[in-house]
């Protein structure tokens, strides 16, 4: 007698031993996760929650953070180095106004530059001051011809020399063909030689106290009611409203007088003259240090500047020498969106372009603009250099730049559009806090060694700063400075460590590659847990949005748990692992039985 023959249902096992991070796409490869919370790739190929963060200190109104041998930050208008308050000079105040926060902070040698306040602080000498200085008075003013040593040249009656018998070193004014020159007498040769560079000394009480030798300044005078033949020769610019000015370099300085290059036919004394001397710093949106200069860009998107070599206070020294300040105009449209120094070049970004400055030792700097994906507006703090590669957030994706053209690295983030990105790097990992269209923050981490993304939590990061072997950041929700790996930058009395947190990993849909229905009959999870850790396993069938709890795992040590699953016919499914506490998941094995297409 023959009986019907039943075919065995095809059964196979899928074992995942390498977990390949976050992939927020419609389809994920085996080992990738459509969603995550507080996961990390540090222990790859093992699936693991991130390390607990360090709690460094509570802040009041954080405005910026910088790494400079010590950890430097600004909080509530106070500058700190390694937790110690820096005492600024009298009258120097860091603004707490909303329109002047957050701060642009940059380091150059011993100096810390704070913008837009235009403040400098010397970390070695503990000195501080404003980059700008102004002398503005209406007072008695003398204008006198001066020699190359900064000494005033006085008159002999009606001339600069004794007309009867000139002495060695006497001066004489000579006018030929409308051009005035200064000559000096040499007794040994009995010749009046032309003085190639002439100077004038401007005297007023306190005029030189706030300036220094070689400062580039703008000097302005009010010509209302005065008669002065030399006024247009010395102050060549007509600023309107009877104001004339000239940009000059201070050749020599004393408390009550300054010496500048100019020519003067006749010494002059004014009983009351309105005079103004200014050392100005441009208003800049972004700054960066490169080759012992601070470089910056204007707010309107058209000018790029740099200070005098090694001198953060001078931005208007133009003598035609290699150490000069620099200013240039960029013709492209749009405002600047960020600045960074990369491979010895200052680079300025707009949303649709990259502007590189080729720095020359002779001072003949050149600018080249490349049309490409630039930095997204509001994401200037996403600019980070990691392993000699520059990373930043553009308008459409996250880019890496190695010197040629930007390349997208954010395909795994899916189609979600993000903005207001803030980035930081440590140990080949790029941390990026961004907001989605609903202004919900998400903290992602890109592992450059493994080319993997991980998703942590919804922390809104104000600032990142790598210091020593940790990455510090300021959490916008509670204004607390924290560290990624739990270390502290100095001896913090109130030091603490983050408590246990919840974590989660949600797989992509499994079974899309097989058109037939199937059964999932068993799941084996090999996991190591510390005491007190709890882990729950969930399954969702056919995109029902209903998560069915299947098993709870807790305990200590490494072992394999078998998740009891009642076989259920489905087209596709996905699983979710939710935990609290430290755990390491080494593998997930799924036993699947193949069904038919009915």
Protein backbone atom coordinates (compact mmCIF):
# COMPACT_ATOMS: atom_id res chain seq x y z
CA UNK A 1 0.00 0.00 0.00
CA UNK A 2 1.36 3.37 -0.94
CA UNK A 3 0.93 6.45 1.22
CA UNK A 4 1.13 10.13 0.15
CA UNK A 5 4.64 11.56 0.27
CA UNK A 6 5.02 14.91 2.04
CA UNK A 7 7.98 17.09 1.16
CA UNK A 8 9.96 18.52 4.07
CA UNK A 9 9.61 22.27 4.48
CA UNK A 10 12.85 23.93 3.50
CA UNK A 11 14.58 25.26 6.57
CA UNK A 12 17.76 27.34 6.82
CA UNK A 13 19.65 29.41 9.36
CA UNK A 14 20.90 32.96 9.02
CA UNK A 15 23.72 33.87 11.40
CA UNK A 16 24.78 37.48 11.83
CA UNK A 17 28.18 37.90 13.45
CA UNK A 18 29.20 41.30 12.06
CA UNK A 19 26.93 44.23 12.87
CA UNK A 20 27.37 46.97 10.32
CA UNK A 21 25.79 49.97 11.96
CA UNK A 22 22.99 52.36 11.12
CA UNK A 23 21.31 52.29 7.69
CA UNK A 24 18.08 54.28 7.53
CA UNK A 25 17.03 53.06 4.08
CA UNK A 26 14.07 51.08 2.76
CA UNK A 27 16.24 47.99 2.54
CA UNK A 28 19.12 47.08 4.81
CA UNK A 29 21.78 44.48 4.41
CA UNK A 30 22.18 41.72 6.94
CA UNK A 31 23.67 43.13 10.13
CA UNK A 32 22.56 46.70 9.46
CA UNK A 33 19.96 48.48 11.56
CA UNK A 34 17.18 50.75 10.35
CA UNK A 35 17.11 52.57 13.68
CA UNK A 36 19.32 52.76 16.73
CA UNK A 37 19.60 54.49 20.06
CA UNK A 38 22.81 54.83 22.05
CA UNK A 39 24.73 52.28 19.97
CA UNK A 40 28.39 52.33 18.96
CA UNK A 41 30.79 50.78 16.46
CA UNK A 42 33.77 50.94 18.84
CA UNK A 43 33.55 47.20 19.54
CA UNK A 44 32.90 46.16 15.93
CA UNK A 45 31.99 43.52 14.79
CA UNK A 46 30.19 43.17 18.16
CA UNK A 47 26.92 45.03 18.63
CA UNK A 48 27.18 47.18 21.75
CA UNK A 49 25.77 50.27 23.47
CA UNK A 50 28.10 53.25 23.76
CA UNK A 51 30.25 53.99 26.80
CA UNK A 52 28.90 56.05 29.67
CA UNK A 53 29.68 59.74 29.45
CA UNK A 54 31.52 61.84 31.99
CA UNK A 55 29.77 64.77 33.69
CA UNK A 56 32.37 67.54 33.79
CA UNK A 57 30.58 70.65 35.06
CA UNK A 58 27.32 72.58 35.03
CA UNK A 59 27.51 75.79 33.02
CA UNK A 60 25.35 78.92 33.16
CA UNK A 61 25.52 80.43 29.68
CA UNK A 62 28.12 78.55 27.58
CA UNK A 63 29.38 80.60 24.64
CA UNK A 64 32.35 78.68 23.23
CA UNK A 65 34.99 76.02 23.84
CA UNK A 66 38.56 75.60 22.57
CA UNK A 67 41.48 73.20 22.96
CA UNK A 68 44.79 74.95 23.67
CA UNK A 69 47.07 72.73 25.78
CA UNK A 70 44.46 73.38 28.45
CA UNK A 71 40.72 73.18 27.86
CA UNK A 72 39.42 76.72 27.33
CA UNK A 73 35.80 77.87 27.42
CA UNK A 74 33.58 80.90 27.93
CA UNK A 75 30.67 80.72 30.34
CA UNK A 76 28.44 83.63 31.39
CA UNK A 77 30.92 86.15 30.04
CA UNK A 78 33.92 84.62 31.85
CA UNK A 79 36.96 83.00 30.22
CA UNK A 80 38.19 79.77 31.85
CA UNK A 81 41.40 77.75 31.45
CA UNK A 82 41.17 74.25 32.96
CA UNK A 83 38.41 75.38 35.26
CA UNK A 84 40.24 78.47 36.52
CA UNK A 85 38.78 81.91 35.81
CA UNK A 86 41.01 84.20 33.72
CA UNK A 87 41.24 87.73 35.07
CA UNK A 88 40.99 90.18 32.19
CA UNK A 89 42.45 93.68 32.21
CA UNK A 90 40.35 96.55 33.53
CA UNK A 91 37.69 97.55 31.04
CA UNK A 92 37.91 94.30 29.04
CA UNK A 93 34.49 92.63 29.05
CA UNK A 94 33.25 89.57 27.18
CA UNK A 95 29.75 90.36 25.99
CA UNK A 96 26.83 88.17 27.04
CA UNK A 97 24.44 89.72 24.49
CA UNK A 98 22.57 87.19 22.35
CA UNK A 99 23.68 88.85 19.11
CA UNK A 100 27.33 88.35 20.11
CA UNK A 101 27.00 84.70 21.08
CA UNK A 102 28.16 82.07 20.38
CA UNK A 103 31.76 83.17 20.19
CA UNK A 104 34.29 82.51 17.46
CA UNK A 105 37.44 81.39 19.32
CA UNK A 106 40.83 80.77 17.73
CA UNK A 107 44.37 80.27 18.99
CA UNK A 108 47.62 81.67 17.58
CA UNK A 109 50.78 81.02 19.55
CA UNK A 110 50.13 82.08 23.14
CA UNK A 111 47.11 84.16 22.08
CA UNK A 112 43.43 83.28 22.35
CA UNK A 113 41.25 85.36 20.03
CA UNK A 114 37.59 85.96 20.94
CA UNK A 115 35.23 87.23 18.24
CA UNK A 116 33.04 89.19 17.67
CA UNK A 117 34.23 90.90 20.88
CA UNK A 118 37.66 91.45 19.27
CA UNK A 119 39.46 90.49 22.48
CA UNK A 120 42.90 88.86 22.78
CA UNK A 121 44.22 86.97 25.78
CA UNK A 122 47.82 85.81 26.25
CA UNK A 123 47.72 82.45 28.03
CA UNK A 124 51.37 82.72 29.09
CA UNK A 125 51.61 86.28 30.37
CA UNK A 126 47.94 86.49 31.41
CA UNK A 127 47.67 89.84 29.60
CA UNK A 128 44.58 90.82 27.65
CA UNK A 129 43.15 93.64 25.61
CA UNK A 130 41.03 94.70 22.69
CA UNK A 131 42.32 94.19 19.17
CA UNK A 132 40.99 97.66 18.36
CA UNK A 133 42.08 100.97 19.92
CA UNK A 134 40.78 104.53 19.56
CA UNK A 135 42.01 108.00 20.57
CA UNK A 136 39.33 110.63 19.98
CA UNK A 137 39.71 114.13 21.50
CA UNK A 138 39.37 117.84 20.80
CA UNK A 139 42.46 119.36 22.32
CA UNK A 140 45.72 121.18 21.67
CA UNK A 141 47.51 119.42 18.83
CA UNK A 142 50.97 119.98 17.37
CA UNK A 143 52.09 118.75 13.96
CA UNK A 144 55.87 118.82 13.50
CA UNK A 145 58.33 117.54 10.95
CA UNK A 146 60.35 114.61 12.40
CA UNK A 147 63.51 112.73 11.56
CA UNK A 148 64.05 109.00 11.10
CA UNK A 149 64.64 108.56 14.84
CA UNK A 150 61.27 109.97 15.81
CA UNK A 151 62.68 113.33 16.99
CA UNK A 152 60.86 116.53 16.11
CA UNK A 153 62.63 118.90 13.69
CA UNK A 154 62.23 122.41 15.04
CA UNK A 155 62.45 125.73 13.23
CA UNK A 156 65.24 128.30 13.20
CA UNK A 157 63.14 131.45 13.07
CA UNK A 158 61.32 130.93 9.73
CA UNK A 159 63.07 127.81 8.40
CA UNK A 160 64.34 124.40 9.43
CA UNK A 161 67.94 125.64 9.39
CA UNK A 162 70.03 128.74 10.01
CA UNK A 163 70.04 130.45 6.64
CA UNK A 164 73.29 132.24 7.41
CA UNK A 165 75.33 129.11 8.14
CA UNK A 166 73.65 125.66 7.99
CA UNK A 167 74.96 123.14 10.50
CA UNK A 168 75.67 119.51 9.79
CA UNK A 169 72.35 117.64 9.75
CA UNK A 170 70.13 120.70 9.23
CA UNK A 171 67.03 120.33 7.02
CA UNK A 172 65.63 122.41 4.19
CA UNK A 173 62.39 122.29 2.25
CA UNK A 174 62.72 122.45 -1.52
CA UNK A 175 59.90 122.91 -4.02
CA UNK A 176 60.49 122.20 -7.68
CA UNK A 177 57.83 121.84 -10.37
CA UNK A 178 55.17 121.79 -7.65
CA UNK A 179 56.80 118.88 -5.81
CA UNK A 180 58.09 119.40 -2.28
CA UNK A 181 61.10 117.47 -0.99
CA UNK A 182 63.07 117.49 2.25
CA UNK A 183 66.85 117.85 2.09
CA UNK A 184 69.51 117.41 4.74
CA UNK A 185 72.84 119.21 4.84
CA UNK A 186 76.16 117.37 5.08
CA UNK A 187 78.97 119.62 6.26
CA UNK A 188 81.67 117.22 5.08
CA UNK A 189 80.48 117.35 1.49
CA UNK A 190 78.68 120.71 1.66
CA UNK A 191 75.76 119.06 -0.16
CA UNK A 192 71.99 119.16 0.53
CA UNK A 193 70.93 115.49 0.00
CA UNK A 194 67.31 114.49 -0.54
CA UNK A 195 65.71 112.60 2.38
CA UNK A 196 63.96 109.62 0.83
CA UNK A 197 61.44 109.00 3.65
CA UNK A 198 59.95 111.85 5.63
CA UNK A 199 58.01 111.79 8.88
CA UNK A 200 55.77 114.04 10.92
CA UNK A 201 55.15 113.96 14.65
CA UNK A 202 51.60 114.50 15.89
CA UNK A 203 51.45 115.58 19.53
CA UNK A 204 48.45 115.49 21.87
CA UNK A 205 48.06 114.48 25.49
CA UNK A 206 47.74 110.66 25.71
CA UNK A 207 47.67 110.10 21.95
CA UNK A 208 50.15 107.19 22.01
CA UNK A 209 49.15 105.31 25.16
CA UNK A 210 46.85 102.76 23.48
CA UNK A 211 48.95 102.10 20.38
CA UNK A 212 52.28 100.48 19.54
CA UNK A 213 55.10 100.95 17.09
CA UNK A 214 54.23 99.62 13.59
CA UNK A 215 50.48 99.76 14.23
CA UNK A 216 48.41 100.48 11.14
CA UNK A 217 46.00 103.29 12.05
CA UNK A 218 43.50 105.62 10.46
CA UNK A 219 44.03 109.25 11.49
CA UNK A 220 41.15 111.69 10.96
CA UNK A 221 40.87 115.45 11.60
CA UNK A 222 37.94 117.84 11.53
CA UNK A 223 38.85 120.75 9.26
CA UNK A 224 35.93 122.93 10.31
CA UNK A 225 37.18 126.49 10.89
CA UNK A 226 40.88 125.77 10.32
CA UNK A 227 43.26 126.99 7.66
CA UNK A 228 46.16 124.67 6.88
CA UNK A 229 48.04 124.51 3.60
CA UNK A 230 49.35 120.96 4.28
CA UNK A 231 46.00 119.42 5.20
CA UNK A 232 45.32 117.80 1.82
CA UNK A 233 48.87 116.52 1.46
CA UNK A 234 48.85 114.74 4.84
CA UNK A 235 45.20 113.69 5.06
CA UNK A 236 44.48 112.66 1.49
CA UNK A 237 41.00 111.15 1.93
CA UNK A 238 37.88 113.33 2.01
CA UNK A 239 35.37 111.52 4.25
CA UNK A 240 32.72 114.25 4.00
CA UNK A 241 31.34 116.54 6.71
CA UNK A 242 34.69 118.39 6.77
CA UNK A 243 36.52 115.22 7.85
CA UNK A 244 39.81 114.33 6.20
CA UNK A 245 41.76 111.12 6.93
CA UNK A 246 44.67 108.92 5.97
CA UNK A 247 45.75 105.35 6.73
CA UNK A 248 49.25 105.41 8.22
CA UNK A 249 51.81 103.21 9.95
CA UNK A 250 53.10 104.40 13.34
CA UNK A 251 56.87 104.66 12.94
CA UNK A 252 57.66 105.74 16.50
CA UNK A 253 55.54 106.30 19.58
CA UNK A 254 55.55 108.02 22.96
CA UNK A 255 52.69 108.60 25.40
CA UNK A 256 51.95 112.08 24.05
CA UNK A 257 53.03 111.84 20.43
CA UNK A 258 53.15 109.51 17.45
CA UNK A 259 55.44 109.63 14.41
CA UNK A 260 54.08 108.67 11.00
CA UNK A 261 55.39 108.88 7.40
CA UNK A 262 54.31 112.16 5.75
CA UNK A 263 55.69 115.45 4.44
CA UNK A 264 55.14 118.80 6.13
CA UNK A 265 56.15 122.20 4.75
CA UNK A 266 55.54 124.07 7.97
CA UNK A 267 55.19 123.03 11.62
CA UNK A 268 51.72 123.77 12.97
CA UNK A 269 50.11 124.16 16.40
CA UNK A 270 46.33 124.11 16.94
CA UNK A 271 44.87 125.33 20.20
CA UNK A 272 41.79 123.17 19.61
CA UNK A 273 41.58 120.44 16.97
CA UNK A 274 39.32 117.39 16.79
CA UNK A 275 41.61 114.45 15.99
CA UNK A 276 40.83 110.74 15.93
CA UNK A 277 43.27 107.81 15.72
CA UNK A 278 41.85 104.31 15.17
CA UNK A 279 43.35 100.82 14.96
CA UNK A 280 40.49 98.83 13.46
CA UNK A 281 39.70 95.14 13.08
CA UNK A 282 37.17 94.10 10.40
CA UNK A 283 33.82 92.67 11.44
CA UNK A 284 34.10 89.01 10.50
CA UNK A 285 31.70 86.08 10.44
CA UNK A 286 34.33 83.32 10.71
CA UNK A 287 38.02 83.16 11.58
CA UNK A 288 40.78 80.55 11.33
CA UNK A 289 44.52 80.51 12.07
CA UNK A 290 47.04 79.66 9.36
CA UNK A 291 50.79 80.28 9.09
CA UNK A 292 50.97 82.59 12.12
CA UNK A 293 48.11 84.76 10.90
CA UNK A 294 44.41 84.99 11.72
CA UNK A 295 42.29 84.82 8.57
CA UNK A 296 38.66 85.90 8.44
CA UNK A 297 35.76 86.65 6.11
CA UNK A 298 33.26 89.48 6.08
CA UNK A 299 29.60 89.16 6.94
CA UNK A 300 28.42 90.27 3.49
CA UNK A 301 30.25 87.44 1.72
CA UNK A 302 32.67 89.47 -0.39
CA UNK A 303 35.90 90.12 1.55
CA UNK A 304 38.65 87.92 2.94
CA UNK A 305 41.18 89.37 5.38
CA UNK A 306 44.25 88.35 7.34
CA UNK A 307 46.15 90.13 10.06
CA UNK A 308 49.77 91.21 9.95
CA UNK A 309 52.21 88.32 10.35
CA UNK A 310 52.27 87.34 14.01
CA UNK A 311 50.23 90.38 15.09
CA UNK A 312 46.56 89.76 15.82
CA UNK A 313 45.92 93.47 16.48
CA UNK A 314 46.84 94.82 13.05
CA UNK A 315 44.64 94.33 9.99
CA UNK A 316 45.47 97.53 8.07
CA UNK A 317 49.23 97.49 7.62
CA UNK A 318 49.97 97.84 3.90
CA UNK A 319 53.63 98.72 3.32
CA UNK A 320 54.29 96.44 0.37
CA UNK A 321 56.29 93.93 2.40
CA UNK A 322 55.81 90.20 3.09
CA UNK A 323 54.53 90.69 6.65
CA UNK A 324 51.69 92.99 5.57
CA UNK A 325 48.04 92.51 6.37
CA UNK A 326 45.90 91.29 3.47
CA UNK A 327 42.46 92.03 2.08
CA UNK A 328 40.80 90.76 -1.09
CA UNK A 329 37.35 90.78 -2.65
CA UNK A 330 35.49 87.62 -3.72
CA UNK A 331 33.13 88.19 -6.61
CA UNK A 332 30.73 85.27 -6.17
CA UNK A 333 27.25 85.70 -4.73
CA UNK A 334 26.10 84.48 -1.33
CA UNK A 335 27.33 84.82 2.23
CA UNK A 336 30.15 82.86 3.79
CA UNK A 337 29.04 79.80 5.74
CA UNK A 338 32.24 78.59 7.40
CA UNK A 339 36.03 78.69 7.59
CA UNK A 340 38.76 76.17 8.41
CA UNK A 341 42.50 75.66 7.94
CA UNK A 342 43.20 72.48 5.99
CA UNK A 343 46.58 71.29 4.66
CA UNK A 344 48.18 74.71 5.39
CA UNK A 345 45.48 76.55 3.41
CA UNK A 346 42.75 78.80 4.84
CA UNK A 347 39.50 77.63 3.24
CA UNK A 348 36.28 79.65 3.26
CA UNK A 349 32.94 78.14 2.32
CA UNK A 350 29.69 79.29 0.84
CA UNK A 351 26.77 76.91 0.38
CA UNK A 352 27.73 76.31 -3.24
CA UNK A 353 31.48 76.90 -3.29
CA UNK A 354 34.84 76.37 -1.66
CA UNK A 355 37.32 79.26 -1.61
CA UNK A 356 40.96 78.33 -0.97
CA UNK A 357 43.67 80.87 -0.18
CA UNK A 358 47.15 79.95 -1.41
CA UNK A 359 49.37 81.58 1.20
CA UNK A 360 52.67 83.00 -0.08
CA UNK A 361 55.76 83.69 2.03
CA UNK A 362 56.29 86.86 -0.02
CA UNK A 363 52.80 88.14 0.78
CA UNK A 364 51.48 87.58 -2.77
CA UNK A 365 48.57 85.44 -1.62
CA UNK A 366 46.17 84.05 -4.24
CA UNK A 367 42.53 82.98 -4.05
CA UNK A 368 40.89 80.16 -6.00
CA UNK A 369 37.16 79.42 -5.86
CA UNK A 370 35.71 75.99 -6.72
CA UNK A 371 32.02 75.50 -7.38
CA UNK A 372 30.98 72.45 -5.36
CA UNK A 373 28.98 71.41 -2.32
CA UNK A 374 29.91 73.88 0.40
CA UNK A 375 28.96 74.14 4.05
CA UNK A 376 25.27 74.44 4.84
CA UNK A 377 24.24 77.75 6.39
CA UNK A 378 24.09 77.29 10.16
CA UNK A 379 26.37 74.22 10.07
CA UNK A 380 29.72 76.02 10.27
CA UNK A 381 30.58 74.11 13.46
CA UNK A 382 30.35 70.81 11.57
CA UNK A 383 33.78 71.46 10.01
CA UNK A 384 36.25 68.93 11.45
CA UNK A 385 39.54 67.39 10.35
CA UNK A 386 40.04 63.70 11.09
CA UNK A 387 42.86 61.52 9.79
CA UNK A 388 43.93 64.24 7.35
CA UNK A 389 40.41 64.42 5.85
CA UNK A 390 38.00 67.33 6.23
CA UNK A 391 34.37 66.54 7.11
CA UNK A 392 31.37 68.87 7.08
CA UNK A 393 27.60 69.10 6.56
CA UNK A 394 26.45 70.41 3.19
CA UNK A 395 22.88 71.34 2.29
CA UNK A 396 22.08 67.81 1.09
CA UNK A 397 24.49 65.41 2.78
CA UNK A 398 27.58 64.92 4.91
CA UNK A 399 30.77 65.34 2.90
CA UNK A 400 34.42 64.39 3.15
CA UNK A 401 37.05 66.50 1.42
CA UNK A 402 40.63 65.36 0.82
CA UNK A 403 41.84 68.23 -1.33
CA UNK A 404 40.12 67.67 -4.70
CA UNK A 405 36.31 67.61 -4.61
CA UNK A 406 33.84 66.77 -1.81
CA UNK A 407 32.46 63.21 -1.59
CA UNK A 408 29.23 62.20 0.15
CA UNK A 409 29.53 59.77 3.09
CA UNK A 410 25.95 59.95 4.34
CA UNK A 411 24.03 57.50 2.14
CA UNK A 412 23.24 55.40 5.22
CA UNK A 413 21.38 58.32 6.80
CA UNK A 414 18.59 57.88 4.27
CA UNK A 415 16.39 60.60 2.83
CA UNK A 416 15.97 62.64 6.02
CA UNK A 417 17.10 66.24 5.59
CA UNK A 418 19.13 67.65 8.47
CA UNK A 419 20.37 71.12 9.39
CA UNK A 420 22.23 73.06 12.13
CA UNK A 421 24.98 70.45 12.37
CA UNK A 422 27.71 70.57 15.03
CA UNK A 423 30.67 68.18 14.76
CA UNK A 424 33.64 66.88 16.69
CA UNK A 425 36.23 64.13 16.20
CA UNK A 426 38.14 61.69 18.38
CA UNK A 427 39.89 58.39 17.59
CA UNK A 428 38.79 58.23 13.92
CA UNK A 429 35.17 58.90 14.88
CA UNK A 430 33.20 61.90 13.62
CA UNK A 431 30.40 62.94 15.99
CA UNK A 432 27.64 64.98 14.36
CA UNK A 433 24.62 66.49 16.11
CA UNK A 434 21.94 67.60 13.63
CA UNK A 435 18.28 68.60 13.59
CA UNK A 436 15.62 67.16 11.29
CA UNK A 437 12.72 69.02 9.66
CA UNK A 438 10.80 68.90 12.96
CA UNK A 439 13.80 70.40 14.79
CA UNK A 440 14.37 67.15 16.66
CA UNK A 441 18.08 66.64 17.34
CA UNK A 442 19.94 63.43 16.50
CA UNK A 443 23.50 62.58 17.47
CA UNK A 444 25.25 60.41 14.87
CA UNK A 445 28.76 58.98 14.80
CA UNK A 446 30.71 58.12 11.64
CA UNK A 447 33.46 55.53 12.11
CA UNK A 448 36.02 56.39 9.41
CA UNK A 449 38.05 53.20 9.91
CA UNK A 450 35.08 50.93 9.29
CA UNK A 451 32.96 53.27 7.16
CA UNK A 452 30.01 52.76 9.52
CA UNK A 453 27.42 55.07 11.03
CA UNK A 454 25.94 54.73 14.50
CA UNK A 455 23.12 56.63 16.11
CA UNK A 456 23.29 57.65 19.74
CA UNK A 457 20.54 59.82 21.25
CA UNK A 458 18.70 63.12 20.79
CA UNK A 459 21.37 65.30 22.38
CA UNK A 460 21.53 68.84 21.00
CA UNK A 461 25.21 69.70 21.10
CA UNK A 462 26.25 73.34 21.27
CA UNK A 463 30.01 72.79 20.97
CA UNK A 464 32.47 69.92 20.58
CA UNK A 465 36.14 70.07 21.54
CA UNK A 466 38.72 67.27 21.45
CA UNK A 467 41.24 67.50 24.29
CA UNK A 468 43.88 64.92 25.19
CA UNK A 469 42.22 61.50 24.74
CA UNK A 470 38.56 62.50 25.00
CA UNK A 471 35.93 64.55 23.23
CA UNK A 472 34.10 67.16 25.30
CA UNK A 473 30.78 68.69 24.40
CA UNK A 474 28.15 71.01 25.85
CA UNK A 475 24.60 69.67 26.02
CA UNK A 476 22.08 72.38 25.11
CA UNK A 477 19.29 70.80 27.17
CA UNK A 478 21.01 71.24 30.54
CA UNK A 479 24.13 73.34 29.74
CA UNK A 480 26.34 70.59 31.16
CA UNK A 481 29.80 69.93 29.76
CA UNK A 482 30.25 66.18 29.22
CA UNK A 483 32.92 63.85 27.89
CA UNK A 484 32.35 61.02 25.42
CA UNK A 485 34.57 58.45 27.15
CA UNK A 486 33.92 59.54 30.72
CA UNK A 487 37.30 61.17 31.46
CA UNK A 488 37.77 64.62 32.98
CA UNK A 489 40.09 67.43 31.78
CA UNK A 490 41.13 68.48 35.29
CA UNK A 491 40.34 67.76 38.94
CA UNK A 492 36.61 68.45 39.07
CA UNK A 493 35.22 68.39 42.64
CA UNK A 494 31.70 67.54 41.46
CA UNK A 495 32.88 64.89 38.97
CA UNK A 496 30.33 62.28 38.06
CA UNK A 497 29.58 59.58 35.53
CA UNK A 498 26.42 59.02 33.54
CA UNK A 499 23.93 56.58 35.04
CA UNK A 500 22.65 53.57 33.14
CA UNK A 501 20.80 54.46 29.98
CA UNK A 502 18.44 52.69 27.61
CA UNK A 503 19.64 51.51 24.23
CA UNK A 504 18.00 49.94 21.19
CA UNK A 505 18.79 48.38 17.81
CA UNK A 506 16.03 47.82 15.24
CA UNK A 507 16.78 45.68 12.20
CA UNK A 508 15.61 46.34 8.69
CA UNK A 509 12.90 44.20 7.10
CA UNK A 510 14.00 40.59 6.68
CA UNK A 511 12.59 38.46 3.87
CA UNK A 512 12.26 41.01 1.09
CA UNK A 513 14.65 38.98 -1.05
CA UNK A 514 12.36 35.91 -0.93
CA UNK A 515 8.95 36.23 -2.64
CA UNK A 516 7.43 33.30 -0.73
CA UNK A 517 5.91 33.46 2.70
CA UNK A 518 8.01 32.07 5.52
CA UNK A 519 8.04 31.12 9.17
CA UNK A 520 10.54 32.27 11.78
CA UNK A 521 10.74 29.38 14.24
CA UNK A 522 13.75 30.19 16.39
CA UNK A 523 16.09 33.04 17.28
CA UNK A 524 19.39 32.51 19.11
CA UNK A 525 21.14 35.51 20.63
CA UNK A 526 24.70 35.17 21.93
CA UNK A 527 25.22 37.98 24.40
CA UNK A 528 27.46 39.02 27.30
CA UNK A 529 25.97 41.18 30.08
CA UNK A 530 27.10 42.70 33.35
CA UNK A 531 25.11 42.28 36.57
CA UNK A 532 21.85 44.23 36.48
CA UNK A 533 21.60 44.48 32.70
CA UNK A 534 18.21 43.70 31.16
CA UNK A 535 17.64 43.02 27.48
CA UNK A 536 14.32 42.46 25.73
CA UNK A 537 13.74 40.95 22.30
CA UNK A 538 10.80 42.02 20.09
CA UNK A 539 9.49 40.93 16.65
CA UNK A 540 7.22 42.81 14.23
CA UNK A 541 5.48 40.96 11.35
CA UNK A 542 4.53 42.37 7.95
CA UNK A 543 5.06 46.06 8.85
CA UNK A 544 2.13 45.96 11.27
CA UNK A 545 3.73 48.61 13.57
CA UNK A 546 2.98 46.24 16.47
CA UNK A 547 6.02 45.00 18.37
CA UNK A 548 5.49 41.64 20.05
CA UNK A 549 7.63 40.98 23.10
CA UNK A 550 9.27 37.56 22.82
CA UNK A 551 11.92 37.21 25.51
CA UNK A 552 13.79 38.89 28.36
CA UNK A 553 17.48 38.28 29.02
CA UNK A 554 19.37 39.28 32.16
CA UNK A 555 22.35 38.13 34.15
CA UNK A 556 26.11 38.08 33.96
CA UNK A 557 28.61 36.52 31.61
CA UNK A 558 28.45 35.38 28.00
CA UNK A 559 25.99 32.78 26.87
CA UNK A 560 23.53 31.96 24.11
CA UNK A 561 19.84 32.59 24.70
CA UNK A 562 17.19 30.84 22.64
CA UNK A 563 14.26 33.14 22.03
CA UNK A 564 11.06 31.05 21.95
CA UNK A 565 9.08 32.04 18.89
CA UNK A 566 5.76 30.49 17.94
CA UNK A 567 6.00 29.93 14.17
CA UNK A 568 3.88 32.43 12.32
CA UNK A 569 3.42 32.72 8.59
CA UNK A 570 4.51 36.12 7.24
CA UNK A 571 5.89 37.82 4.18
CA UNK A 572 8.59 39.68 6.08
CA UNK A 573 9.53 40.61 9.62
CA UNK A 574 12.04 42.57 11.65
CA UNK A 575 13.34 42.40 15.19
CA UNK A 576 14.31 44.89 17.85
CA UNK A 577 16.66 44.48 20.79
CA UNK A 578 16.10 46.88 23.69
CA UNK A 579 18.31 47.02 26.75
CA UNK A 580 19.48 48.96 29.76
CA UNK A 581 23.01 48.46 31.05
CA UNK A 582 26.25 47.17 29.55
CA UNK A 583 26.00 44.34 27.03
CA UNK A 584 27.87 42.88 24.07
CA UNK A 585 25.93 41.00 21.40
CA UNK A 586 28.19 38.63 19.47
CA UNK A 587 25.68 37.01 17.12
CA UNK A 588 22.01 36.73 16.21
CA UNK A 589 20.94 33.49 14.52
CA UNK A 590 17.51 33.15 12.88
CA UNK A 591 15.98 29.81 11.88
CA UNK A 592 13.57 30.37 8.98
CA UNK A 593 11.25 27.88 7.28
CA UNK A 594 10.39 28.53 3.67
CA UNK A 595 6.67 28.58 2.75
CA UNK A 596 4.78 29.10 -0.49
CA UNK A 597 3.59 32.23 -2.24
CA UNK A 598 0.04 31.65 -0.94
